[in-house]
Amino acid sequence: MTKWNKVVTNMGRGMDPMSAYNRAEREEREEHRKRMERLRGAKPERRGGR
């Protein structure tokens, strides 16, 4: 689940709610991926999709 304070921060920068939400969600995924890579040593993503 997206951290709502990130969405609010983005909206505070003058974004419309939807793009603010999308951006916050993308940042969440990035941070999660980086954490996982540190944990298991940068194993490349094998999953399909984006």
N, C-alpha and C. Protein backbone atom coordinates (compact mmCIF):
# COMPACT_ATOMS: atom_id res chain seq x y z
N MET A 1 0.84 -1.20 0.00
CA MET A 1 0.00 0.00 0.00
C MET A 1 0.88 1.25 0.00
N THR A 2 0.46 2.21 -0.76
CA THR A 2 1.24 3.43 -0.89
C THR A 2 1.22 4.22 0.41
N LYS A 3 2.34 4.84 0.71
CA LYS A 3 2.37 5.74 1.87
C LYS A 3 1.65 7.02 1.49
N TRP A 4 0.59 7.33 2.21
CA TRP A 4 -0.24 8.45 1.80
C TRP A 4 0.45 9.78 1.99
N ASN A 5 1.38 9.87 2.96
CA ASN A 5 2.06 11.15 3.11
C ASN A 5 2.89 11.48 1.88
N LYS A 6 3.35 10.44 1.15
CA LYS A 6 4.06 10.70 -0.11
C LYS A 6 3.12 11.30 -1.15
N VAL A 7 1.90 10.76 -1.21
CA VAL A 7 0.92 11.29 -2.15
C VAL A 7 0.62 12.74 -1.80
N VAL A 8 0.43 13.00 -0.51
CA VAL A 8 0.13 14.36 -0.07
C VAL A 8 1.28 15.30 -0.40
N THR A 9 2.51 14.82 -0.21
CA THR A 9 3.67 15.64 -0.54
C THR A 9 3.66 16.00 -2.01
N ASN A 10 3.41 15.01 -2.87
CA ASN A 10 3.39 15.27 -4.31
C ASN A 10 2.27 16.23 -4.67
N MET A 11 1.12 16.09 -4.03
CA MET A 11 0.02 17.00 -4.32
C MET A 11 0.38 18.41 -3.86
N GLY A 12 1.15 18.49 -2.78
CA GLY A 12 1.59 19.80 -2.30
C GLY A 12 2.49 20.49 -3.31
N ARG A 13 3.16 19.69 -4.16
CA ARG A 13 4.00 20.27 -5.21
C ARG A 13 3.17 20.74 -6.39
N GLY A 14 1.86 20.62 -6.29
CA GLY A 14 1.00 21.11 -7.36
C GLY A 14 0.62 20.07 -8.38
N MET A 15 0.77 18.79 -8.03
CA MET A 15 0.35 17.74 -8.95
C MET A 15 -1.13 17.47 -8.76
N ASP A 16 -1.75 16.91 -9.80
CA ASP A 16 -3.13 16.47 -9.62
C ASP A 16 -3.10 15.13 -8.89
N PRO A 17 -4.17 14.81 -8.17
CA PRO A 17 -4.17 13.63 -7.29
C PRO A 17 -3.73 12.34 -7.96
N MET A 18 -4.17 12.12 -9.20
CA MET A 18 -3.90 10.82 -9.82
C MET A 18 -2.41 10.66 -10.11
N SER A 19 -1.77 11.67 -10.71
CA SER A 19 -0.35 11.53 -11.02
C SER A 19 0.47 11.53 -9.74
N ALA A 20 0.01 12.25 -8.72
CA ALA A 20 0.70 12.22 -7.43
C ALA A 20 0.68 10.81 -6.87
N TYR A 21 -0.48 10.16 -6.98
CA TYR A 21 -0.60 8.79 -6.47
C TYR A 21 0.28 7.84 -7.26
N ASN A 22 0.24 7.96 -8.59
CA ASN A 22 1.06 7.08 -9.42
C ASN A 22 2.53 7.24 -9.12
N ARG A 23 2.96 8.49 -8.96
CA ARG A 23 4.37 8.74 -8.68
C ARG A 23 4.78 8.15 -7.34
N ALA A 24 3.95 8.34 -6.33
CA ALA A 24 4.25 7.80 -5.00
C ALA A 24 4.34 6.28 -5.08
N GLU A 25 3.43 5.68 -5.85
CA GLU A 25 3.43 4.22 -5.94
C GLU A 25 4.69 3.73 -6.65
N ARG A 26 5.13 4.45 -7.69
CA ARG A 26 6.34 4.06 -8.39
C ARG A 26 7.56 4.17 -7.46
N GLU A 27 7.61 5.25 -6.66
CA GLU A 27 8.72 5.40 -5.73
C GLU A 27 8.73 4.27 -4.71
N GLU A 28 7.55 3.88 -4.25
CA GLU A 28 7.46 2.76 -3.31
C GLU A 28 8.07 1.51 -3.93
N ARG A 29 7.69 1.21 -5.18
CA ARG A 29 8.20 0.01 -5.84
C ARG A 29 9.72 0.08 -5.98
N GLU A 30 10.23 1.25 -6.38
CA GLU A 30 11.68 1.41 -6.52
C GLU A 30 12.39 1.13 -5.21
N GLU A 31 11.91 1.75 -4.12
CA GLU A 31 12.56 1.56 -2.83
C GLU A 31 12.52 0.10 -2.42
N HIS A 32 11.38 -0.52 -2.65
CA HIS A 32 11.25 -1.93 -2.28
C HIS A 32 12.24 -2.78 -3.07
N ARG A 33 12.35 -2.49 -4.37
CA ARG A 33 13.25 -3.27 -5.22
C ARG A 33 14.69 -3.10 -4.75
N LYS A 34 15.07 -1.87 -4.43
CA LYS A 34 16.44 -1.62 -3.96
C LYS A 34 16.71 -2.38 -2.67
N ARG A 35 15.73 -2.35 -1.75
CA ARG A 35 15.90 -3.09 -0.50
C ARG A 35 16.10 -4.56 -0.77
N MET A 36 15.27 -5.12 -1.66
CA MET A 36 15.36 -6.55 -1.95
C MET A 36 16.71 -6.87 -2.58
N GLU A 37 17.20 -6.01 -3.47
CA GLU A 37 18.48 -6.26 -4.11
C GLU A 37 19.61 -6.26 -3.09
N ARG A 38 19.54 -5.35 -2.13
CA ARG A 38 20.56 -5.35 -1.08
C ARG A 38 20.50 -6.65 -0.29
N LEU A 39 19.29 -7.13 -0.03
CA LEU A 39 19.14 -8.34 0.78
C LEU A 39 19.71 -9.55 0.07
N ARG A 40 19.34 -9.73 -1.21
CA ARG A 40 19.75 -10.96 -1.87
C ARG A 40 20.82 -10.76 -2.94
N GLY A 41 21.46 -9.60 -2.94
CA GLY A 41 22.61 -9.41 -3.80
C GLY A 41 22.31 -9.22 -5.27
N ALA A 42 21.47 -8.25 -5.59
CA ALA A 42 21.26 -7.80 -6.98
C ALA A 42 20.99 -8.94 -7.95
N LYS A 43 20.01 -9.77 -7.62
CA LYS A 43 19.59 -10.79 -8.58
C LYS A 43 18.67 -10.11 -9.59
N PRO A 44 18.93 -10.26 -10.88
CA PRO A 44 18.10 -9.57 -11.88
C PRO A 44 16.65 -10.04 -11.83
N GLU A 45 15.75 -9.15 -12.17
CA GLU A 45 14.33 -9.48 -12.16
C GLU A 45 14.01 -10.47 -13.27
N ARG A 46 13.36 -11.56 -12.91
CA ARG A 46 12.98 -12.54 -13.93
C ARG A 46 11.50 -12.45 -14.27
N ARG A 47 10.77 -11.64 -13.50
CA ARG A 47 9.33 -11.55 -13.73
C ARG A 47 9.04 -10.74 -14.99
N GLY A 48 7.93 -11.08 -15.66
CA GLY A 48 7.53 -10.33 -16.84
C GLY A 48 6.85 -9.03 -16.44
N GLY A 49 6.11 -8.46 -17.34
CA GLY A 49 5.41 -7.22 -17.05
C GLY A 49 6.34 -6.03 -17.21
N ARG A 50 5.99 -4.95 -16.49
CA ARG A 50 6.76 -3.73 -16.66
C ARG A 50 8.06 -3.80 -15.88
